[in-house]
Amino acid sequence: MSQKGRTPRIKVAELPGGKWREKVHPFYVRIAEHDKKIWKLRASSSPKDRAEAQRLSENPPPDLVEEARRLHDELERSRGPRYRAAMTVLGVEDLPPDSTVSYGHYMLWRLSWYRYGKTIKQLMEESEAGSERAGKQFLSVLRDYERWRFGKLDVEKQKLKFDVQHSVLMMAGLDLGLDKLNPEELADCFDALCACGKAHLPENLRKLRTRLMKALANAKATARPPVPGSVPETC
């Protein structure tokens, strides 16, 4: 998503790219800035900073949580979120509000999504429908999950389909205005909110958004629940 040995993007104040803040929900900026702080603390060489990153990740500010609840209710009353990215990726669309899932559940679905661009439910259903490739991918995710569970897999060093840092930032805003930004506005937005600290290419971000929206649409079309017992009991 970032520039690599290329001419820096020229910014002009009058360009539409400077209007991104007018098009995204203020809550998105808040959660993005919170996430940016966590990413920077995680990248620190200080154990104290990394511990603080974990604390902030597991215990977001109460006012931020309350604002998220209010916004969720507001969207549900109006038109409902179109993408429901986090719920789709984690397979929690049918859980009641304020439900929690185990870290094991989160990690299993995370491994599937960012490695193959599909939920674990999708891989299961495609395998059951006769896809040998999906079957192999499903078993690969389960193996990775077991390796992670026993401390033999560093998930930060995996080869992934989606860049986690940029994908998380993108998916968090699809229902909050990022779907309406043009490529230049997207780049300006990510330059301001992304923790990578690099300039972002508009076309790369446009392509990432398109790929994520397509993947989310495919995942939402998978409605049949998982086969009981197919997901590790630790989830």
Protein backbone atom coordinates (compact mmCIF):
# COMPACT_ATOMS: atom_id res chain seq x y z
CA MET A 1 0.00 0.00 0.00
CA SER A 2 2.96 2.27 0.46
CA GLN A 3 5.41 3.91 -1.90
CA LYS A 4 8.54 1.88 -2.71
CA GLY A 5 11.21 3.70 -4.68
CA ARG A 6 8.65 5.78 -6.56
CA THR A 7 8.12 9.50 -7.01
CA PRO A 8 6.23 10.91 -4.01
CA ARG A 9 2.59 11.73 -4.63
CA ILE A 10 2.10 15.46 -5.18
CA LYS A 11 -0.48 16.96 -2.84
CA VAL A 12 -2.34 20.15 -3.69
CA ALA A 13 -4.68 21.70 -1.12
CA GLU A 14 -7.46 22.22 -3.67
CA LEU A 15 -7.53 18.59 -4.81
CA PRO A 16 -10.60 16.52 -3.79
CA GLY A 17 -8.27 14.27 -1.79
CA GLY A 18 -8.23 16.86 0.97
CA LYS A 19 -11.98 16.38 1.57
CA TRP A 20 -11.80 12.90 3.07
CA ARG A 21 -12.56 14.01 6.64
CA GLU A 22 -15.88 15.45 5.48
CA LYS A 23 -16.94 12.07 4.07
CA VAL A 24 -15.99 9.65 6.86
CA HIS A 25 -17.73 9.25 10.20
CA PRO A 26 -15.83 10.92 13.09
CA PHE A 27 -15.96 7.62 14.98
CA TYR A 28 -13.86 6.00 12.28
CA VAL A 29 -11.13 8.57 12.87
CA ARG A 30 -11.25 7.85 16.60
CA ILE A 31 -10.93 4.09 16.25
CA ALA A 32 -8.25 4.46 13.58
CA GLU A 33 -6.19 6.73 15.80
CA HIS A 34 -6.60 4.27 18.69
CA ASP A 35 -5.48 1.43 16.43
CA LYS A 36 -2.55 3.49 15.18
CA LYS A 37 -1.33 3.94 18.74
CA ILE A 38 -1.52 0.18 19.31
CA TRP A 39 0.42 -0.63 16.12
CA LYS A 40 3.19 1.79 17.10
CA LEU A 41 3.45 0.37 20.61
CA ARG A 42 3.60 -3.17 19.20
CA ALA A 43 6.50 -2.16 16.96
CA SER A 44 8.49 -0.80 19.91
CA SER A 45 11.54 -2.65 21.22
CA SER A 46 10.36 -1.93 24.76
CA PRO A 47 8.55 -4.82 26.51
CA LYS A 48 6.64 -2.19 28.48
CA ASP A 49 5.33 -0.61 25.27
CA ARG A 50 4.33 -3.97 23.83
CA ALA A 51 2.52 -4.85 27.05
CA GLU A 52 0.67 -1.54 26.85
CA ALA A 53 -0.31 -2.34 23.27
CA GLN A 54 -1.80 -5.64 24.43
CA ARG A 55 -3.64 -3.88 27.26
CA LEU A 56 -5.12 -1.26 24.93
CA SER A 57 -6.10 -3.94 22.43
CA GLU A 58 -7.92 -6.00 25.03
CA ASN A 59 -9.32 -3.05 26.99
CA PRO A 60 -10.30 -0.14 24.74
CA PRO A 61 -11.41 3.10 26.43
CA PRO A 62 -14.93 2.73 27.88
CA ASP A 63 -16.15 5.85 26.07
CA LEU A 64 -14.97 4.37 22.76
CA VAL A 65 -16.86 1.14 23.48
CA GLU A 66 -19.99 3.05 24.41
CA GLU A 67 -19.74 5.15 21.25
CA ALA A 68 -19.38 1.95 19.21
CA ARG A 69 -22.59 0.60 20.75
CA ARG A 70 -24.48 3.81 20.01
CA LEU A 71 -23.24 3.86 16.43
CA HIS A 72 -24.16 0.21 15.93
CA ASP A 73 -27.72 0.91 17.08
CA GLU A 74 -27.87 4.02 14.91
CA LEU A 75 -26.81 2.11 11.80
CA GLU A 76 -29.22 -0.72 12.53
CA ARG A 77 -32.12 1.73 12.85
CA SER A 78 -31.25 3.49 9.60
CA ARG A 79 -30.14 1.09 6.90
CA GLY A 80 -27.87 -1.35 8.66
CA PRO A 81 -24.17 -1.72 7.85
CA ARG A 82 -23.62 -2.91 4.28
CA TYR A 83 -20.37 -4.75 4.86
CA ARG A 84 -20.28 -5.75 8.55
CA ALA A 85 -16.61 -6.47 7.97
CA ALA A 86 -15.51 -7.48 11.47
CA MET A 87 -18.61 -9.61 12.10
CA THR A 88 -18.25 -11.33 8.74
CA VAL A 89 -14.53 -12.02 9.07
CA LEU A 90 -14.98 -13.43 12.59
CA GLY A 91 -18.20 -15.30 11.84
CA VAL A 92 -20.20 -13.64 14.60
CA GLU A 93 -23.07 -12.15 12.57
CA ASP A 94 -25.70 -14.05 14.53
CA LEU A 95 -24.39 -13.38 18.02
CA PRO A 96 -26.38 -10.95 20.21
CA PRO A 97 -24.94 -7.50 21.01
CA ASP A 98 -22.12 -7.36 23.59
CA SER A 99 -21.26 -11.02 23.02
CA THR A 100 -17.63 -12.05 23.35
CA VAL A 101 -15.65 -14.74 21.58
CA SER A 102 -12.56 -16.53 22.77
CA TYR A 103 -9.12 -15.57 21.53
CA GLY A 104 -8.90 -19.02 19.99
CA HIS A 105 -12.01 -18.35 17.89
CA TYR A 106 -10.59 -15.01 16.80
CA MET A 107 -7.26 -16.54 15.82
CA LEU A 108 -8.78 -19.42 13.84
CA TRP A 109 -10.95 -17.09 11.75
CA ARG A 110 -8.08 -14.58 11.43
CA LEU A 111 -5.74 -17.26 10.09
CA SER A 112 -8.29 -18.27 7.47
CA TRP A 113 -9.25 -14.77 6.33
CA TYR A 114 -5.85 -13.16 5.98
CA ARG A 115 -4.18 -16.20 4.45
CA TYR A 116 -6.81 -17.13 1.88
CA GLY A 117 -9.26 -14.21 1.79
CA LYS A 118 -12.06 -16.55 2.91
CA THR A 119 -13.70 -17.33 6.21
CA ILE A 120 -13.24 -20.74 7.79
CA LYS A 121 -16.95 -21.32 7.10
CA GLN A 122 -16.40 -20.71 3.38
CA LEU A 123 -13.52 -23.16 3.23
CA MET A 124 -15.60 -25.79 5.03
CA GLU A 125 -18.56 -25.40 2.69
CA GLU A 126 -16.45 -25.38 -0.46
CA SER A 127 -14.66 -28.50 0.74
CA GLU A 128 -17.98 -30.23 1.44
CA ALA A 129 -19.16 -29.20 -2.04
CA GLY A 130 -16.24 -31.09 -3.58
CA SER A 131 -13.41 -28.55 -3.80
CA GLU A 132 -10.16 -30.37 -3.11
CA ARG A 133 -8.31 -27.05 -3.00
CA ALA A 134 -10.64 -25.66 -0.33
CA GLY A 135 -10.26 -28.89 1.62
CA LYS A 136 -6.48 -28.55 1.63
CA GLN A 137 -6.73 -24.89 2.63
CA PHE A 138 -9.12 -25.75 5.45
CA LEU A 139 -6.75 -28.40 6.82
CA SER A 140 -3.84 -25.98 6.44
CA VAL A 141 -5.65 -23.38 8.56
CA LEU A 142 -6.36 -25.99 11.24
CA ARG A 143 -2.68 -27.03 11.25
CA ASP A 144 -1.60 -23.41 11.56
CA TYR A 145 -4.08 -22.94 14.38
CA GLU A 146 -2.66 -25.90 16.29
CA ARG A 147 0.90 -24.68 15.70
CA TRP A 148 -0.08 -21.24 17.00
CA ARG A 149 -1.85 -22.76 20.01
CA PHE A 150 1.30 -24.61 21.04
CA GLY A 151 3.59 -21.64 20.44
CA LYS A 152 5.15 -22.96 17.22
CA LEU A 153 3.77 -20.36 14.81
CA ASP A 154 4.50 -16.63 14.70
CA VAL A 155 1.43 -15.27 12.93
CA GLU A 156 3.27 -12.03 12.14
CA LYS A 157 5.66 -13.92 9.82
CA GLN A 158 3.05 -15.73 7.75
CA LYS A 159 2.64 -15.28 4.02
CA LEU A 160 -0.79 -13.68 3.66
CA LYS A 161 -3.27 -12.77 0.93
CA PHE A 162 -4.15 -9.48 2.61
CA ASP A 163 -1.78 -7.12 4.41
CA VAL A 164 -3.22 -7.15 7.92
CA GLN A 165 -2.40 -3.57 8.93
CA HIS A 166 -3.90 -1.93 5.86
CA SER A 167 -6.79 -4.39 5.58
CA VAL A 168 -7.92 -3.82 9.17
CA LEU A 169 -7.83 -0.06 8.66
CA MET A 170 -9.79 -0.39 5.41
CA MET A 171 -12.44 -2.80 6.68
CA ALA A 172 -13.06 -0.73 9.81
CA GLY A 173 -14.22 2.16 7.65
CA LEU A 174 -16.21 0.56 4.85
CA ASP A 175 -19.50 1.20 6.66
CA LEU A 176 -18.30 4.60 7.88
CA GLY A 177 -17.48 6.39 4.64
CA LEU A 178 -14.36 4.79 3.15
CA ASP A 179 -16.51 3.21 0.45
CA LYS A 180 -17.33 6.73 -0.78
CA LEU A 181 -13.78 8.10 -1.03
CA ASN A 182 -12.00 8.45 -4.35
CA PRO A 183 -8.46 7.00 -4.61
CA GLU A 184 -6.75 10.29 -3.78
CA GLU A 185 -8.94 10.76 -0.74
CA LEU A 186 -8.22 7.20 0.35
CA ALA A 187 -4.49 7.86 0.13
CA ASP A 188 -4.78 11.09 2.12
CA CYS A 189 -6.85 9.29 4.74
CA PHE A 190 -4.34 6.46 5.10
CA ASP A 191 -1.40 8.87 5.14
CA ALA A 192 -3.03 10.49 8.18
CA LEU A 193 -4.28 7.41 10.02
CA CYS A 194 -2.04 4.46 9.09
CA ALA A 195 0.72 3.51 11.52
CA CYS A 196 3.12 2.37 8.78
CA GLY A 197 4.31 5.97 8.45
CA LYS A 198 4.74 5.79 4.66
CA ALA A 199 3.03 7.56 1.78
CA HIS A 200 0.28 5.49 0.19
CA LEU A 201 -0.43 4.97 -3.50
CA PRO A 202 -4.06 5.80 -4.42
CA GLU A 203 -4.35 3.00 -6.97
CA ASN A 204 -3.03 0.38 -4.55
CA LEU A 205 -5.61 1.38 -1.96
CA ARG A 206 -8.39 1.39 -4.56
CA LYS A 207 -7.46 -2.15 -5.55
CA LEU A 208 -7.28 -3.27 -1.92
CA ARG A 209 -10.73 -1.83 -1.22
CA THR A 210 -12.18 -3.56 -4.28
CA ARG A 211 -10.64 -6.92 -3.32
CA LEU A 212 -11.86 -6.65 0.27
CA MET A 213 -15.38 -5.63 -0.75
CA LYS A 214 -15.57 -8.57 -3.14
CA ALA A 215 -14.23 -11.00 -0.54
CA LEU A 216 -16.69 -9.71 2.08
CA ALA A 217 -19.60 -10.02 -0.35
CA ASN A 218 -18.63 -13.63 -1.07
CA ALA A 219 -18.29 -14.36 2.65
CA LYS A 220 -21.70 -12.86 3.45
CA ALA A 221 -23.25 -15.09 0.80
CA THR A 222 -22.12 -18.11 2.83
CA ALA A 223 -25.09 -18.44 5.13
CA ARG A 224 -25.19 -22.12 6.17
CA PRO A 225 -23.76 -22.65 9.68
CA PRO A 226 -20.60 -24.73 10.20
CA VAL A 227 -20.88 -28.46 10.71
CA PRO A 228 -20.85 -29.19 14.50
CA GLY A 229 -17.47 -30.45 15.63
CA SER A 230 -15.64 -29.21 12.54
CA VAL A 231 -14.07 -26.28 14.40
CA PRO A 232 -11.68 -27.03 17.27
CA GLU A 233 -13.43 -27.14 20.63
CA THR A 234 -10.94 -24.62 22.05
CA CYS A 235 -12.53 -21.88 19.92
